[in-house]
N, C-alpha and C. Protein backbone atom coordinates (compact mmCIF):
# COMPACT_ATOMS: atom_id res chain seq x y z
N MET A 1 -28.54 34.23 26.45
CA MET A 1 -28.55 33.17 25.34
C MET A 1 -27.24 32.73 24.71
N LYS A 2 -26.17 33.95 24.68
CA LYS A 2 -24.80 34.48 24.35
C LYS A 2 -24.18 32.93 24.90
N LYS A 3 -24.28 33.05 25.99
CA LYS A 3 -23.55 32.09 27.42
C LYS A 3 -24.07 30.75 27.28
N SER A 4 -25.48 30.70 27.13
CA SER A 4 -25.68 28.94 26.82
C SER A 4 -25.36 28.37 25.41
N LEU A 5 -24.86 29.26 24.61
CA LEU A 5 -24.49 28.94 23.13
C LEU A 5 -23.29 28.44 23.36
N ALA A 6 -22.66 29.71 24.14
CA ALA A 6 -21.02 28.76 23.85
C ALA A 6 -20.91 28.02 24.64
N ILE A 7 -21.52 27.34 26.39
CA ILE A 7 -21.42 26.47 26.64
C ILE A 7 -22.25 25.51 25.91
N LEU A 8 -22.98 25.54 25.23
CA LEU A 8 -23.35 23.91 24.61
C LEU A 8 -22.41 23.79 23.41
N LEU A 9 -21.67 25.06 22.56
CA LEU A 9 -20.49 24.68 21.87
C LEU A 9 -19.39 24.11 22.41
N ALA A 10 -19.12 24.08 23.30
CA ALA A 10 -18.53 24.36 24.48
C ALA A 10 -17.90 22.21 24.53
N LEU A 11 -19.62 22.20 25.03
CA LEU A 11 -19.55 20.64 25.67
C LEU A 11 -19.63 19.68 24.15
N VAL A 12 -19.73 20.49 23.20
CA VAL A 12 -20.54 19.50 21.76
C VAL A 12 -18.64 19.36 21.46
N LEU A 13 -17.51 20.76 21.10
CA LEU A 13 -16.21 20.37 20.83
C LEU A 13 -15.42 19.21 21.92
N SER A 14 -15.59 19.39 23.04
CA SER A 14 -15.07 18.27 23.98
C SER A 14 -15.99 17.53 24.06
N MET A 15 -16.57 16.90 24.01
CA MET A 15 -16.88 15.44 23.47
C MET A 15 -16.57 15.00 21.84
N ALA A 16 -16.28 15.54 20.94
CA ALA A 16 -15.94 15.41 19.43
C ALA A 16 -14.34 14.97 19.99
N MET A 17 -13.91 15.24 20.51
CA MET A 17 -12.41 15.09 21.30
C MET A 17 -12.60 13.91 21.50
N LEU A 18 -13.33 13.18 22.31
CA LEU A 18 -13.29 12.52 22.85
C LEU A 18 -13.17 11.57 22.34
N LEU A 19 -14.30 11.34 21.11
CA LEU A 19 -14.67 10.23 20.23
C LEU A 19 -13.49 9.33 19.61
N PRO A 20 -13.22 8.41 19.17
CA PRO A 20 -12.20 7.36 18.55
C PRO A 20 -12.26 8.41 17.06
N ALA A 21 -10.56 8.31 16.83
CA ALA A 21 -11.06 8.71 15.04
C ALA A 21 -11.46 7.67 14.14
N SER A 22 -12.05 8.20 13.17
CA SER A 22 -12.57 7.23 12.05
C SER A 22 -11.79 6.29 12.07
N ALA A 23 -11.78 5.27 11.42
CA ALA A 23 -11.22 4.43 10.76
C ALA A 23 -10.75 4.74 8.96
N GLU A 24 -11.74 5.81 8.49
CA GLU A 24 -11.02 6.48 7.74
C GLU A 24 -9.60 7.39 7.56
N GLU A 25 -9.49 7.07 8.88
CA GLU A 25 -8.05 8.36 9.56
C GLU A 25 -7.09 7.68 9.87
N ALA A 26 -7.80 6.32 10.12
CA ALA A 26 -6.23 5.39 10.48
C ALA A 26 -5.58 5.25 9.79
N PRO A 27 -4.05 4.80 10.11
CA PRO A 27 -3.16 4.80 9.05
C PRO A 27 -3.22 3.20 8.70
N ILE A 28 -2.87 3.29 7.45
CA ILE A 28 -2.91 1.59 7.06
C ILE A 28 -1.57 1.03 7.18
N THR A 29 -1.76 -0.71 7.27
CA THR A 29 -0.66 -1.24 7.87
C THR A 29 -0.36 -2.72 7.23
N LEU A 30 0.78 -2.94 7.03
CA LEU A 30 1.04 -3.42 6.12
C LEU A 30 1.94 -4.80 7.06
N THR A 31 2.00 -6.38 7.18
CA THR A 31 2.13 -7.46 8.22
C THR A 31 2.27 -8.51 6.69
N VAL A 32 3.28 -9.11 6.87
CA VAL A 32 3.63 -10.38 6.43
C VAL A 32 4.14 -11.40 6.77
N ASN A 33 3.24 -12.29 7.11
CA ASN A 33 3.22 -13.46 8.69
C ASN A 33 3.90 -13.37 9.71
N GLY A 34 2.37 -12.23 9.73
CA GLY A 34 2.49 -11.40 11.31
C GLY A 34 3.35 -10.48 11.19
N ALA A 35 4.50 -9.61 10.87
CA ALA A 35 4.93 -8.96 10.85
C ALA A 35 4.98 -7.67 10.66
N ALA A 36 4.76 -7.23 11.61
CA ALA A 36 4.69 -5.73 11.24
C ALA A 36 6.06 -5.14 9.84
N ILE A 37 5.52 -4.42 8.97
CA ILE A 37 6.37 -4.16 7.62
C ILE A 37 6.55 -2.39 7.51
N SER A 38 7.55 -1.85 8.06
CA SER A 38 7.92 -0.64 8.00
C SER A 38 7.74 0.16 6.74
N CYS A 39 7.12 1.48 6.42
CA CYS A 39 7.35 1.98 5.04
C CYS A 39 7.96 3.14 4.99
N ASP A 40 8.74 3.80 4.23
CA ASP A 40 9.05 5.08 4.64
C ASP A 40 7.93 6.04 3.69
N VAL A 41 7.67 5.81 3.00
CA VAL A 41 6.11 6.32 2.60
C VAL A 41 4.93 5.69 3.12
N PRO A 42 3.81 6.14 4.16
CA PRO A 42 2.70 5.31 3.96
C PRO A 42 1.77 4.79 2.88
N PRO A 43 1.39 3.40 3.44
CA PRO A 43 0.45 3.05 2.43
C PRO A 43 -0.71 3.70 1.89
N GLN A 44 -1.02 4.17 0.51
CA GLN A 44 -2.42 4.69 0.60
C GLN A 44 -2.97 3.83 -0.09
N ILE A 45 -4.79 4.49 -0.18
CA ILE A 45 -5.62 3.67 -0.91
C ILE A 45 -6.05 4.79 -2.29
N VAL A 46 -5.98 4.29 -3.39
CA VAL A 46 -5.92 4.78 -4.24
C VAL A 46 -7.01 3.88 -5.44
N GLU A 47 -7.79 4.20 -6.04
CA GLU A 47 -9.31 3.36 -6.59
C GLU A 47 -9.19 2.50 -5.62
N ASP A 48 -9.63 2.49 -4.81
CA ASP A 48 -9.61 1.60 -3.77
C ASP A 48 -9.03 0.16 -3.79
N ARG A 49 -7.58 0.44 -3.88
CA ARG A 49 -6.95 -0.30 -3.90
C ARG A 49 -5.60 0.50 -2.84
N THR A 50 -5.06 -0.51 -2.48
CA THR A 50 -3.68 -0.03 -1.43
C THR A 50 -2.55 -0.01 -2.26
N LEU A 51 -1.93 0.66 -2.36
CA LEU A 51 -0.70 1.30 -3.11
C LEU A 51 0.37 1.23 -1.86
N VAL A 52 1.79 0.40 -1.82
CA VAL A 52 2.64 0.63 -1.16
C VAL A 52 3.79 1.06 -1.67
N PRO A 53 4.81 1.28 -1.16
CA PRO A 53 6.21 1.67 -1.56
C PRO A 53 7.08 0.46 -2.34
N LEU A 54 7.13 0.50 -3.31
CA LEU A 54 7.45 -0.25 -4.40
C LEU A 54 8.70 -1.28 -3.57
N ARG A 55 9.81 -0.54 -3.03
CA ARG A 55 11.22 -1.15 -1.96
C ARG A 55 10.17 -1.99 -1.03
N ALA A 56 9.39 -1.51 -0.55
CA ALA A 56 9.13 -1.91 0.88
C ALA A 56 8.30 -3.16 0.21
N ALA A 57 7.38 -3.33 -0.65
CA ALA A 57 6.36 -4.21 -0.94
C ALA A 57 7.93 -5.62 -1.34
N PHE A 58 8.52 -5.00 -2.26
CA PHE A 58 9.64 -5.69 -2.59
C PHE A 58 10.44 -6.47 -1.55
N GLU A 59 11.06 -5.92 -0.95
CA GLU A 59 11.82 -6.47 0.15
C GLU A 59 10.96 -7.52 0.92
N ALA A 60 9.46 -6.80 1.45
CA ALA A 60 9.10 -7.76 2.51
C ALA A 60 8.84 -9.42 1.85
N LEU A 61 8.67 -9.17 0.70
CA LEU A 61 8.75 -10.27 -0.02
C LEU A 61 9.65 -11.14 -0.24
N GLY A 62 10.82 -10.62 -0.04
CA GLY A 62 12.09 -11.42 -0.41
C GLY A 62 12.53 -11.58 -1.73
N ALA A 63 11.98 -10.03 -2.70
CA ALA A 63 12.62 -9.99 -3.91
C ALA A 63 13.21 -9.20 -3.87
N LYS A 64 14.37 -8.67 -4.45
CA LYS A 64 15.03 -8.15 -4.67
C LYS A 64 15.30 -6.74 -6.33
N ILE A 65 15.37 -5.65 -6.20
CA ILE A 65 15.20 -4.96 -7.21
C ILE A 65 16.61 -4.63 -7.67
N ILE A 66 16.53 -4.64 -8.94
CA ILE A 66 17.92 -5.29 -9.63
C ILE A 66 18.27 -4.01 -11.41
N LEU A 67 17.06 -3.60 -11.41
CA LEU A 67 17.84 -2.47 -12.49
C LEU A 67 16.20 -1.41 -12.27
N TRP A 68 16.77 0.11 -12.22
CA TRP A 68 14.97 1.35 -12.46
C TRP A 68 16.00 1.24 -13.59
N ASP A 69 14.81 1.25 -14.62
CA ASP A 69 15.30 2.09 -16.08
C ASP A 69 14.22 3.17 -16.05
N GLU A 70 15.44 4.32 -15.85
CA GLU A 70 15.03 5.46 -16.15
C GLU A 70 14.26 6.15 -17.35
N SER A 71 14.71 5.83 -18.96
CA SER A 71 14.45 5.93 -19.91
C SER A 71 13.08 5.46 -20.33
N THR A 72 12.51 4.28 -19.38
CA THR A 72 11.75 4.35 -19.73
C THR A 72 10.08 3.88 -18.32
N SER A 73 10.84 4.23 -17.24
CA SER A 73 9.78 4.37 -15.64
C SER A 73 9.98 2.88 -15.86
N THR A 74 10.69 2.15 -16.11
CA THR A 74 10.16 0.39 -15.88
C THR A 74 11.34 0.09 -14.21
N VAL A 75 10.66 -0.56 -12.97
CA VAL A 75 11.44 -1.83 -12.47
C VAL A 75 11.90 -3.11 -12.89
N HIS A 76 12.82 -3.23 -12.62
CA HIS A 76 12.77 -5.06 -12.81
C HIS A 76 13.94 -5.85 -11.11
N ALA A 77 12.79 -6.43 -10.88
CA ALA A 77 13.08 -7.36 -9.48
C ALA A 77 13.08 -8.53 -9.82
N GLN A 78 13.64 -9.38 -8.79
CA GLN A 78 14.35 -11.01 -8.80
C GLN A 78 13.28 -11.24 -7.62
N ALA A 79 12.28 -12.45 -8.36
CA ALA A 79 11.36 -12.98 -7.10
C ALA A 79 11.88 -13.86 -6.31
N PRO A 80 11.66 -14.16 -5.38
CA PRO A 80 12.63 -15.21 -4.51
C PRO A 80 12.93 -16.37 -4.86
N SER A 81 12.04 -16.53 -6.35
CA SER A 81 12.07 -17.83 -7.43
C SER A 81 13.16 -17.41 -7.98
N GLY A 82 13.47 -16.74 -8.31
CA GLY A 82 14.62 -16.10 -9.52
C GLY A 82 13.91 -15.33 -10.40
N ASP A 83 12.65 -15.43 -11.15
CA ASP A 83 12.19 -14.80 -12.09
C ASP A 83 12.83 -13.71 -11.72
N VAL A 84 12.06 -12.68 -13.20
CA VAL A 84 12.38 -11.47 -12.65
C VAL A 84 11.16 -10.53 -13.37
N ILE A 85 11.08 -9.53 -12.39
CA ILE A 85 9.18 -9.49 -12.24
C ILE A 85 9.43 -7.87 -13.15
N SER A 86 9.16 -7.44 -14.18
CA SER A 86 8.99 -5.75 -14.13
C SER A 86 7.54 -5.46 -14.57
N LEU A 87 7.38 -3.80 -13.81
CA LEU A 87 6.44 -3.35 -14.19
C LEU A 87 6.46 -2.10 -14.90
N GLN A 88 6.34 -1.11 -15.56
CA GLN A 88 6.45 0.28 -15.76
C GLN A 88 5.16 1.25 -14.94
N ILE A 89 5.87 2.48 -14.30
CA ILE A 89 5.32 3.47 -13.85
C ILE A 89 3.73 3.86 -15.22
N GLY A 90 2.50 4.14 -14.53
CA GLY A 90 1.36 4.09 -15.73
C GLY A 90 1.41 3.12 -16.06
N SER A 91 1.46 2.03 -16.40
CA SER A 91 0.71 0.83 -16.61
C SER A 91 0.37 -0.27 -15.92
N ASN A 92 -0.75 -0.65 -15.84
CA ASN A 92 -1.40 -1.52 -15.30
C ASN A 92 -0.78 -3.11 -15.41
N LYS A 93 0.27 -3.16 -15.97
CA LYS A 93 1.03 -4.80 -16.38
C LYS A 93 2.31 -5.18 -15.91
N LEU A 94 2.11 -6.42 -15.39
CA LEU A 94 3.20 -6.90 -14.57
C LEU A 94 3.23 -8.00 -15.34
N PHE A 95 4.77 -8.06 -15.59
CA PHE A 95 5.42 -8.69 -16.43
C PHE A 95 6.23 -9.65 -15.49
N MET A 96 6.22 -11.29 -15.46
CA MET A 96 6.94 -12.40 -15.04
C MET A 96 6.49 -14.11 -15.23
N ALA A 97 8.42 -14.13 -15.29
CA ALA A 97 7.97 -15.55 -15.95
C ALA A 97 6.94 -15.87 -17.28
N ASN A 98 7.39 -14.50 -18.13
CA ASN A 98 6.77 -14.34 -19.22
C ASN A 98 5.43 -14.97 -19.38
N GLU A 99 4.51 -14.56 -18.23
CA GLU A 99 3.27 -14.21 -17.97
C GLU A 99 3.08 -13.01 -18.06
N VAL A 100 1.55 -12.51 -17.78
CA VAL A 100 1.36 -10.87 -17.85
C VAL A 100 0.43 -11.19 -17.01
N TYR A 101 0.51 -10.11 -16.08
CA TYR A 101 -0.66 -9.97 -14.69
C TYR A 101 -0.73 -8.71 -14.57
N GLU A 102 -2.46 -8.48 -15.24
CA GLU A 102 -3.20 -7.71 -15.20
C GLU A 102 -3.60 -6.85 -13.27
N MET A 103 -2.92 -5.55 -13.04
CA MET A 103 -3.46 -5.10 -12.27
C MET A 103 -4.39 -4.26 -11.58
N ASP A 104 -5.20 -3.93 -10.89
CA ASP A 104 -6.36 -3.68 -10.97
C ASP A 104 -6.12 -2.12 -11.53
N VAL A 105 -4.96 -1.55 -10.80
CA VAL A 105 -4.78 0.17 -11.05
C VAL A 105 -2.56 0.31 -11.81
N PRO A 106 -2.49 1.08 -11.75
CA PRO A 106 -1.27 0.82 -12.32
C PRO A 106 -0.34 1.33 -11.41
N ALA A 107 1.15 1.12 -11.44
CA ALA A 107 2.39 2.25 -10.27
C ALA A 107 2.63 3.24 -10.56
N ILE A 108 2.42 3.83 -10.01
CA ILE A 108 2.34 5.32 -9.87
C ILE A 108 3.33 5.77 -9.02
N ILE A 109 3.64 7.53 -9.56
CA ILE A 109 4.63 8.08 -8.12
C ILE A 109 3.59 9.25 -7.32
N ILE A 110 4.28 8.74 -6.73
CA ILE A 110 3.44 9.43 -5.32
C ILE A 110 4.62 10.37 -4.02
N GLY A 111 5.11 11.46 -4.08
CA GLY A 111 5.99 12.12 -3.55
C GLY A 111 7.25 11.53 -3.63
N ASP A 112 7.55 11.34 -4.58
CA ASP A 112 9.19 10.92 -5.70
C ASP A 112 9.60 9.51 -5.08
N ARG A 113 7.98 8.55 -4.37
CA ARG A 113 8.32 7.23 -4.45
C ARG A 113 7.40 6.57 -5.81
N THR A 114 7.75 5.33 -5.42
CA THR A 114 6.85 4.13 -6.71
C THR A 114 5.76 3.71 -6.13
N MET A 115 4.88 4.10 -6.53
CA MET A 115 3.64 3.15 -4.93
C MET A 115 3.47 1.57 -6.47
N VAL A 116 3.02 0.79 -5.55
CA VAL A 116 2.33 -0.42 -6.32
C VAL A 116 0.91 -1.05 -5.72
N PRO A 117 0.67 -1.72 -6.55
CA PRO A 117 -0.81 -2.58 -5.89
C PRO A 117 -0.65 -3.69 -5.01
N MET A 118 -0.33 -3.31 -3.21
CA MET A 118 0.31 -4.58 -2.77
C MET A 118 -0.21 -5.85 -3.64
N ARG A 119 -1.02 -6.00 -3.41
CA ARG A 119 -2.26 -7.31 -3.91
C ARG A 119 -1.75 -8.12 -4.69
N ALA A 120 -1.51 -7.12 -6.26
CA ALA A 120 -0.78 -7.84 -7.57
C ALA A 120 0.48 -7.89 -7.28
N ILE A 121 1.39 -7.73 -6.54
CA ILE A 121 2.85 -8.01 -6.25
C ILE A 121 3.09 -8.83 -5.80
N ALA A 122 2.09 -9.38 -4.63
CA ALA A 122 2.14 -10.49 -3.36
C ALA A 122 1.41 -11.64 -4.35
N GLU A 123 0.49 -11.82 -4.88
CA GLU A 123 0.05 -12.75 -5.96
C GLU A 123 0.90 -13.06 -6.83
N SER A 124 1.44 -12.12 -7.26
CA SER A 124 2.54 -12.78 -8.48
C SER A 124 3.33 -13.86 -8.61
N ILE A 125 3.90 -13.65 -6.34
CA ILE A 125 4.80 -14.69 -6.69
C ILE A 125 4.41 -15.49 -5.42
N GLY A 126 3.05 -15.65 -5.39
CA GLY A 126 2.54 -16.50 -4.65
C GLY A 126 2.40 -16.62 -3.55
N CYS A 127 1.69 -15.34 -2.75
CA CYS A 127 1.83 -15.35 -1.43
C CYS A 127 -0.40 -14.84 -1.65
N THR A 128 -0.75 -15.09 -0.15
CA THR A 128 -1.98 -14.88 0.13
C THR A 128 -2.49 -13.67 0.72
N VAL A 129 -3.03 -12.78 0.19
CA VAL A 129 -3.38 -11.50 0.28
C VAL A 129 -4.65 -11.20 1.26
N GLU A 130 -4.72 -10.43 2.46
CA GLU A 130 -6.29 -10.35 3.12
C GLU A 130 -6.39 -8.94 3.38
N TRP A 131 -6.98 -8.23 3.28
CA TRP A 131 -7.60 -6.68 3.41
C TRP A 131 -8.26 -6.88 4.53
N ILE A 132 -7.58 -6.04 5.98
CA ILE A 132 -8.93 -5.70 7.43
C ILE A 132 -9.44 -4.94 7.38
N PRO A 133 -10.91 -4.66 7.01
CA PRO A 133 -10.73 -3.11 6.95
C PRO A 133 -11.22 -2.76 8.64
N GLU A 134 -11.33 -3.39 9.18
CA GLU A 134 -11.86 -3.00 10.51
C GLU A 134 -10.43 -2.07 11.24
N ASN A 135 -9.12 -2.91 10.94
CA ASN A 135 -7.81 -2.45 11.45
C ASN A 135 -7.07 -1.73 10.23
N ARG A 136 -7.60 -1.72 9.20
CA ARG A 136 -7.07 -0.99 7.96
C ARG A 136 -5.24 -1.92 7.33
N GLU A 137 -5.40 -2.95 7.79
CA GLU A 137 -4.52 -3.52 7.66
C GLU A 137 -4.08 -4.26 6.57
N VAL A 138 -3.46 -4.89 5.71
CA VAL A 138 -2.71 -5.68 4.69
C VAL A 138 -1.82 -6.48 5.40
N GLN A 139 -2.54 -8.34 5.54
CA GLN A 139 -1.87 -9.24 5.88
C GLN A 139 -1.78 -9.72 4.59
N ILE A 140 -0.16 -10.03 4.41
CA ILE A 140 -0.10 -10.96 3.73
C ILE A 140 1.17 -12.79 4.49
N THR A 141 0.70 -13.68 3.73
CA THR A 141 1.27 -14.42 4.32
C THR A 141 1.68 -15.58 2.75
N LYS A 142 3.26 -15.51 3.38
CA LYS A 142 4.29 -16.39 2.48
C LYS A 142 3.87 -17.66 2.48
C-alpha cells in the first residue's frame, strides 16, 4: 500500500512539473509602440492596477525627470510636450498643465523604487494603453 501511494504521489508531482506556470505567476511586460521596455524592478499589480518604476515609465514615454523633492516626496518631470508633470508619493493626484488627474491608486515606494500606475502616466500625456491579460502585458501606443 505504501509503495502504491509513493508511486501515485511521484506521478502527480511529475505531472505538475510538466504543466505551464499559471498566468498569475508570469512576469508583467511593458511595451511602447511594440518595443519592450526593461525595468530594474518588475512591474507589479496593486489593487488591480499595474505599477511600474517611475523612471522606466517616464523615460519610455519620452519624459524627463527634472526634480525629486525629498521634503515633500514629490517628483517633477517634463513631458515630451514641455509640460511639467508632478506627483507625490501616497497621493492619487497627478498634476500637469494646470490639470489635475485622478489616479486609481497612488504612487508608492516598493523596494526603494517609486512605483506609479502606468495607465495614468501614459494617458496624461496622450498615449493609449491596453492591458493584455493573457500575456500579462501593458501595451502603450504613442
